[in-house]
Structures are given as C-alpha cells and as structure tokens.
Amino acid sequence: MGKPKTVWVTGASSGLGLHTARALRDAGWNVIAGARSFREPAEQDGMVCLPLDVTKEESVQAFCERALAASPRVDALVQCAGVLVLGSCEETTTEEYLRVLDTNFLGMVRMNRAVLPVMRTQGEGRIVMYSSINGLMGIPFQNAYTASKHAVEGYAEGLQLEVRPFGIQVTLVEPGDHRSGSERYRARGERMNADSPYAQAYARATGKIREDETGGSDPDRLGRKVARMLGRRRMPFRKRIASPEQHLAVYVHKFLPARWNEAILRRYYTRE
C-alpha cells in the first residue's frame, strides 16, 4: 500500500468540518485539522490538530508552515470554516457583514493563496470549498451568510478556470440542512430585538431555520460522501448534498418566475 495522502481541513473542531475530518481520517487520509479552538499543536483523535484563524494572514501562514513540517505534501484542502449572523438586511450592521464575509469567503481566499504554490509545484492537488444551498438561493434573515456563499460560488468558477492547467481540481460542496451542532455559531444580530419592525417575521423564520437543521440530514453521511469524492480520479465541480426536498427547492428556484419563488419562500419561512 502507498503512503496515505494528506488533507488539510479548516473549521475542523465542530459542525460539518469535524464530521468531514473524521470521515477522511476513517478513509485512510492523513488529516491535518485546523480551527481557532485548537490553542496549541497536538495529535488527537487520530489527527494532527493545529491552531488556525482563517481571518488572520499570520495564522494562515503559521498553519501552512506547521502542516508542511508535519507532511511535505498537501494532496487536498477541504475548507469548512464558517460563521453565521441572523438578522434583517436593514438591521445587520456593516461590521456583522464584514465578519461573516471575512471568515466564509476571504478565509477561503487566504487559504487558497497559501496552498496553491505548493500544489502547483507538486503538479496536482484538490481544493474543496464548502458552499451551501444558500449559495444558490436566498432565504430571509440569513443574508450575510447567503451573500458570503454566493461569493464563494462565483469565486470558485474563476478559480477552476485558472488552476486546471496545473493539475488542480476544484469542487464546491453545497450542503443542505444537516444536524451539525452549529447552533452556537448562529449569532443573533446585535440590533435584532422585540422593537424591530421585523421581529415577528424574524421569530418565525429563525424558528423554521432551527427546526430544519434539527431535523436535517446525517452529517457523518455527508463526510463519507466527501471522502469518497476525494478518492475519485476526477471530482465534479459541484456536489450538492441535501435532502430530496432541498434538491427540489433548488430546481424550483432556478426554473420558476421570481415572483412565484418569493411567494413560496415567504409562506414557508414567515407564513405570509
């Protein structure tokens, strides 16, 4: 048997990142996991765990140096780090938008800038970026997150066009709702309160969002699908991993008139 391939996983301490890292470990990958909650480099749970804050250039560089010291190759980079703020478009602050975009979008940009020279030198590599169903369609009161995932979708298309000649493959993973335990990362917008003109609709919509995630798909199954995908000779550019209902919602959003889509989503999230 050959030497295990090495994968870097960001956001690997919780949520879908943790489930993905464990699935890759179980599939035989040498997993180097990064997360802000890892305070010191350590080996645990069969993985090398390194501190990583994707919003800080110096942290990204330190992670890359330590990861390459642990393994001189990086066969794949799987980017799962993400945060979310729930609030109306009107009341979500500029700082909240910037915080979400800095992690969910620019965090991926920073990691890619750091890893691409290594992969080009190797003559091959794989980059997997976690987008979302919300990278394809918007829902109320999750607008900063939706904007960040739309940015990832467009960025990935241009990235693949540029790096394919160097033997580097790019894939967007578009998860639907999963039981990922990410409730603690769903921050309430600082201006959302009972006096908000959106308070009633916000309460209904966020209740539905919470309900959908609590009853969502198995995150371990998602991790195994990503591991199998990384084991193939050629990865798809997009891999949507969602329930049949959510697959249908994407198709409906794509093909129905905008006014019809608005009516369907308003009824579903706010009962209006």
Protein backbone atom coordinates (compact mmCIF):
# COMPACT_ATOMS: atom_id res chain seq x y z
CA MET A 1 0.00 0.00 0.00
CA GLY A 2 1.17 3.52 -0.75
CA LYS A 3 1.74 6.27 1.76
CA PRO A 4 -1.51 7.90 3.00
CA LYS A 5 -2.43 11.11 1.25
CA THR A 6 -2.54 14.31 3.27
CA VAL A 7 -5.58 16.58 3.54
CA TRP A 8 -5.89 19.89 5.33
CA VAL A 9 -9.34 20.59 6.81
CA THR A 10 -10.34 24.04 8.07
CA GLY A 11 -13.09 24.60 10.63
CA ALA A 12 -12.40 21.07 11.84
CA SER A 13 -13.27 21.39 15.53
CA SER A 14 -17.06 21.32 15.17
CA GLY A 15 -20.01 21.11 12.80
CA LEU A 16 -19.60 19.76 9.29
CA GLY A 17 -15.85 20.36 9.42
CA LEU A 18 -15.43 17.95 12.33
CA HIS A 19 -17.60 15.28 10.70
CA THR A 20 -15.72 15.67 7.42
CA ALA A 21 -12.31 15.46 9.09
CA ARG A 22 -13.29 12.28 10.92
CA ALA A 23 -14.66 10.70 7.73
CA LEU A 24 -11.42 11.45 5.90
CA ARG A 25 -9.40 10.01 8.77
CA ASP A 26 -11.52 6.85 8.68
CA ALA A 27 -10.99 6.65 4.91
CA GLY A 28 -7.23 6.47 5.43
CA TRP A 29 -6.21 10.09 4.87
CA ASN A 30 -3.53 11.79 6.93
CA VAL A 31 -5.69 14.60 8.33
CA ILE A 32 -4.21 17.92 9.41
CA ALA A 33 -7.07 19.76 11.07
CA GLY A 34 -7.20 23.49 11.66
CA ALA A 35 -9.50 25.54 13.89
CA ARG A 36 -9.47 28.61 16.11
CA SER A 37 -10.35 26.48 19.14
CA PHE A 38 -7.12 24.47 18.80
CA ARG A 39 -4.88 26.53 21.05
CA GLU A 40 -1.69 24.51 20.62
CA PRO A 41 -0.47 21.97 18.06
CA ALA A 42 -1.42 18.46 19.16
CA GLU A 43 -2.18 14.98 17.93
CA GLN A 44 -5.62 13.84 18.99
CA ASP A 45 -8.39 11.61 17.74
CA GLY A 46 -6.07 10.28 15.04
CA MET A 47 -5.46 13.72 13.52
CA VAL A 48 -2.85 16.45 13.70
CA CYS A 49 -4.67 19.47 15.14
CA LEU A 50 -3.21 22.93 14.58
CA PRO A 51 -4.39 26.43 15.55
CA LEU A 52 -5.92 28.27 12.59
CA ASP A 53 -7.85 31.53 12.31
CA VAL A 54 -8.65 31.97 8.62
CA THR A 55 -9.36 35.69 9.14
CA LYS A 56 -5.69 36.37 10.01
CA GLU A 57 -2.91 36.17 7.42
CA GLU A 58 -0.27 35.36 10.04
CA SER A 59 -2.36 32.48 11.40
CA VAL A 60 -2.85 31.05 7.91
CA GLN A 61 0.89 31.22 7.22
CA ALA A 62 1.76 29.64 10.57
CA PHE A 63 -0.70 26.82 9.94
CA CYS A 64 0.75 26.14 6.49
CA GLU A 65 4.33 26.07 7.81
CA ARG A 66 3.41 23.66 10.61
CA ALA A 67 1.32 21.47 8.29
CA LEU A 68 4.12 21.20 5.73
CA ALA A 69 6.55 20.34 8.51
CA ALA A 70 4.24 17.50 9.54
CA SER A 71 3.80 16.35 5.91
CA PRO A 72 5.69 17.87 2.96
CA ARG A 73 2.76 17.30 0.60
CA VAL A 74 -0.80 18.56 0.62
CA ASP A 75 -2.94 16.43 -1.64
CA ALA A 76 -6.20 18.15 -0.76
CA LEU A 77 -7.53 21.20 1.05
CA VAL A 78 -11.09 21.00 2.39
CA GLN A 79 -12.46 24.35 3.57
CA CYS A 80 -15.29 24.19 6.10
CA ALA A 81 -14.69 27.20 8.37
CA GLY A 82 -17.78 29.35 8.62
CA VAL A 83 -19.92 31.63 10.80
CA LEU A 84 -23.44 32.98 10.53
CA VAL A 85 -25.37 36.01 11.75
CA LEU A 86 -29.17 36.03 11.79
CA GLY A 87 -30.79 39.41 11.19
CA SER A 88 -32.70 41.54 8.73
CA CYS A 89 -30.90 43.19 5.83
CA GLU A 90 -31.78 46.59 7.25
CA GLU A 91 -30.56 45.90 10.77
CA THR A 92 -27.50 43.72 10.15
CA THR A 93 -24.55 46.01 10.77
CA THR A 94 -21.67 46.58 8.38
CA GLU A 95 -19.37 45.02 10.97
CA GLU A 96 -21.53 41.88 11.06
CA TYR A 97 -21.48 41.59 7.28
CA LEU A 98 -17.71 42.04 7.29
CA ARG A 99 -17.22 39.42 10.00
CA VAL A 100 -19.19 36.79 8.09
CA LEU A 101 -17.57 37.58 4.74
CA ASP A 102 -14.11 37.65 6.30
CA THR A 103 -14.48 34.09 7.56
CA ASN A 104 -16.72 32.42 4.99
CA PHE A 105 -15.30 33.96 1.82
CA LEU A 106 -12.00 35.75 2.43
CA GLY A 107 -10.90 32.94 4.73
CA MET A 108 -11.06 30.60 1.75
CA VAL A 109 -9.21 33.12 -0.41
CA ARG A 110 -6.39 33.32 2.13
CA MET A 111 -6.07 29.55 2.41
CA ASN A 112 -6.09 29.11 -1.36
CA ARG A 113 -3.39 31.75 -1.85
CA ALA A 114 -1.24 29.88 0.66
CA VAL A 115 -1.76 26.38 -0.71
CA LEU A 116 -1.74 26.99 -4.46
CA PRO A 117 2.04 27.50 -4.81
CA VAL A 118 2.57 24.14 -3.09
CA MET A 119 0.06 22.37 -5.31
CA ARG A 120 1.47 23.97 -8.48
CA THR A 121 4.95 22.75 -7.54
CA GLN A 122 3.56 19.26 -6.94
CA GLY A 123 1.75 19.37 -10.28
CA GLU A 124 -1.52 18.33 -8.68
CA GLY A 125 -3.91 18.99 -5.82
CA ARG A 126 -7.56 19.21 -4.88
CA ILE A 127 -9.45 22.09 -3.33
CA VAL A 128 -12.90 21.52 -1.83
CA MET A 129 -14.84 24.58 -0.67
CA TYR A 130 -17.99 24.28 1.40
CA SER A 131 -20.66 26.49 -0.08
CA SER A 132 -24.33 25.85 0.76
CA ILE A 133 -27.80 25.58 -0.69
CA ASN A 134 -27.81 29.26 0.31
CA GLY A 135 -25.09 29.83 -2.27
CA LEU A 136 -27.79 29.10 -4.85
CA MET A 137 -30.83 30.76 -3.31
CA GLY A 138 -31.54 33.26 -0.57
CA ILE A 139 -33.77 32.94 2.47
CA PRO A 140 -34.91 35.68 4.87
CA PHE A 141 -32.80 36.81 7.84
CA GLN A 142 -29.70 34.86 6.82
CA ASN A 143 -28.46 37.44 4.36
CA ALA A 144 -24.81 37.91 5.36
CA TYR A 145 -24.29 34.14 5.18
CA THR A 146 -26.14 33.93 1.86
CA ALA A 147 -24.04 36.75 0.40
CA SER A 148 -20.82 35.03 1.51
CA LYS A 149 -21.81 31.72 -0.09
CA HIS A 150 -22.86 33.41 -3.35
CA ALA A 151 -19.39 34.99 -3.37
CA VAL A 152 -17.79 31.55 -2.91
CA GLU A 153 -19.79 30.14 -5.82
CA GLY A 154 -18.63 32.82 -8.27
CA TYR A 155 -15.05 32.81 -6.99
CA ALA A 156 -14.77 29.02 -7.39
CA GLU A 157 -15.80 29.18 -11.05
CA GLY A 158 -12.98 31.59 -11.84
CA LEU A 159 -10.52 29.67 -9.67
CA GLN A 160 -11.11 26.40 -11.53
CA LEU A 161 -10.54 28.09 -14.89
CA GLU A 162 -7.17 29.37 -13.69
CA VAL A 163 -5.77 26.33 -11.89
CA ARG A 164 -6.91 23.39 -14.03
CA PRO A 165 -3.80 23.68 -16.29
CA PHE A 166 -1.65 23.00 -13.19
CA GLY A 167 -3.41 19.72 -12.43
CA ILE A 168 -5.51 21.22 -9.62
CA GLN A 169 -9.18 20.31 -9.28
CA VAL A 170 -11.79 22.47 -7.53
CA THR A 171 -15.11 21.31 -6.09
CA LEU A 172 -17.96 23.20 -4.45
CA VAL A 173 -19.80 21.15 -1.82
CA GLU A 174 -23.32 22.53 -1.37
CA PRO A 175 -24.83 21.06 1.82
CA GLY A 176 -28.46 21.37 2.73
CA ASP A 177 -29.57 21.27 6.36
CA HIS A 178 -27.57 18.82 8.49
CA ARG A 179 -27.62 18.01 12.18
CA SER A 180 -24.19 19.57 12.57
CA GLY A 181 -24.46 21.09 16.03
CA SER A 182 -23.74 24.55 14.66
CA GLU A 183 -26.43 26.32 16.69
CA ARG A 184 -23.78 28.05 18.80
CA TYR A 185 -22.40 29.66 15.62
CA ARG A 186 -25.77 31.15 14.67
CA ALA A 187 -25.25 34.56 16.24
CA ARG A 188 -28.27 36.84 16.61
CA GLY A 189 -27.73 40.22 15.00
CA GLU A 190 -26.97 42.82 17.67
CA ARG A 191 -29.83 45.08 16.51
CA MET A 192 -32.48 42.36 16.41
CA ASN A 193 -34.86 42.82 19.35
CA ALA A 194 -38.55 42.92 20.21
CA ASP A 195 -38.82 46.52 18.96
CA SER A 196 -37.66 45.62 15.45
CA PRO A 197 -40.27 46.10 12.70
CA TYR A 198 -39.18 42.63 11.54
CA ALA A 199 -39.48 40.98 14.97
CA GLN A 200 -42.48 38.76 14.23
CA ALA A 201 -41.25 37.57 10.83
CA TYR A 202 -37.75 37.10 12.24
CA ALA A 203 -39.01 34.87 15.05
CA ARG A 204 -40.99 32.70 12.63
CA ALA A 205 -38.20 32.41 10.09
CA THR A 206 -35.43 31.64 12.57
CA GLY A 207 -37.68 29.10 14.27
CA LYS A 208 -38.12 27.37 10.92
CA ILE A 209 -34.38 27.52 10.21
CA ARG A 210 -33.69 25.91 13.60
CA GLU A 211 -36.35 23.25 13.02
CA ASP A 212 -34.93 22.36 9.59
CA GLU A 213 -31.42 21.97 10.93
CA THR A 214 -32.51 19.94 13.97
CA GLY A 215 -34.33 17.55 11.64
CA GLY A 216 -31.65 17.71 8.97
CA SER A 217 -29.55 15.02 7.32
CA ASP A 218 -26.81 12.94 8.94
CA PRO A 219 -23.50 14.90 8.95
CA ASP A 220 -21.47 11.70 9.10
CA ARG A 221 -23.05 10.62 5.83
CA LEU A 222 -22.03 13.94 4.28
CA GLY A 223 -18.47 13.41 5.47
CA ARG A 224 -18.34 9.94 3.93
CA LYS A 225 -19.62 11.28 0.60
CA VAL A 226 -16.91 13.93 0.53
CA ALA A 227 -14.27 11.31 1.38
CA ARG A 228 -15.46 9.08 -1.47
CA MET A 229 -15.48 12.04 -3.85
CA LEU A 230 -11.87 12.90 -2.96
CA GLY A 231 -10.91 9.31 -3.72
CA ARG A 232 -12.06 9.53 -7.33
CA ARG A 233 -9.79 10.31 -10.24
CA ARG A 234 -11.93 13.25 -11.30
CA MET A 235 -14.13 15.21 -8.93
CA PRO A 236 -17.33 17.01 -10.00
CA PHE A 237 -17.19 20.78 -9.92
CA ARG A 238 -20.40 20.90 -7.85
CA LYS A 239 -21.57 18.33 -5.32
CA ARG A 240 -24.92 19.11 -3.71
CA ILE A 241 -25.56 17.00 -0.60
CA ALA A 242 -29.10 17.61 0.58
CA SER A 243 -32.50 16.05 1.15
CA PRO A 244 -34.80 15.39 -1.86
CA GLU A 245 -36.95 18.34 -0.76
CA GLN A 246 -34.00 20.69 -0.81
CA HIS A 247 -32.85 19.44 -4.20
CA LEU A 248 -36.37 20.18 -5.43
CA ALA A 249 -36.27 23.67 -3.87
CA VAL A 250 -33.13 24.49 -5.88
CA TYR A 251 -34.71 23.33 -9.14
CA VAL A 252 -37.92 25.26 -8.39
CA HIS A 253 -35.88 28.38 -7.62
CA LYS A 254 -33.99 28.01 -10.89
CA PHE A 255 -36.93 27.48 -13.20
CA LEU A 256 -39.94 29.26 -11.69
CA PRO A 257 -40.53 33.02 -12.11
CA ALA A 258 -39.03 35.15 -9.34
CA ARG A 259 -42.45 36.26 -8.06
CA TRP A 260 -43.56 32.65 -7.60
CA ASN A 261 -40.35 31.80 -5.76
CA GLU A 262 -40.84 34.77 -3.46
CA ALA A 263 -44.37 33.68 -2.61
CA ILE A 264 -43.28 30.11 -1.87
CA LEU A 265 -40.37 31.13 0.36
CA ARG A 266 -42.34 33.81 2.23
CA ARG A 267 -45.06 31.30 3.02
CA TYR A 268 -42.54 28.68 4.12
CA TYR A 269 -40.43 30.93 6.36
CA THR A 270 -42.79 33.63 7.59
CA ARG A 271 -46.25 32.14 6.87
CA GLU A 272 -47.24 35.28 4.96
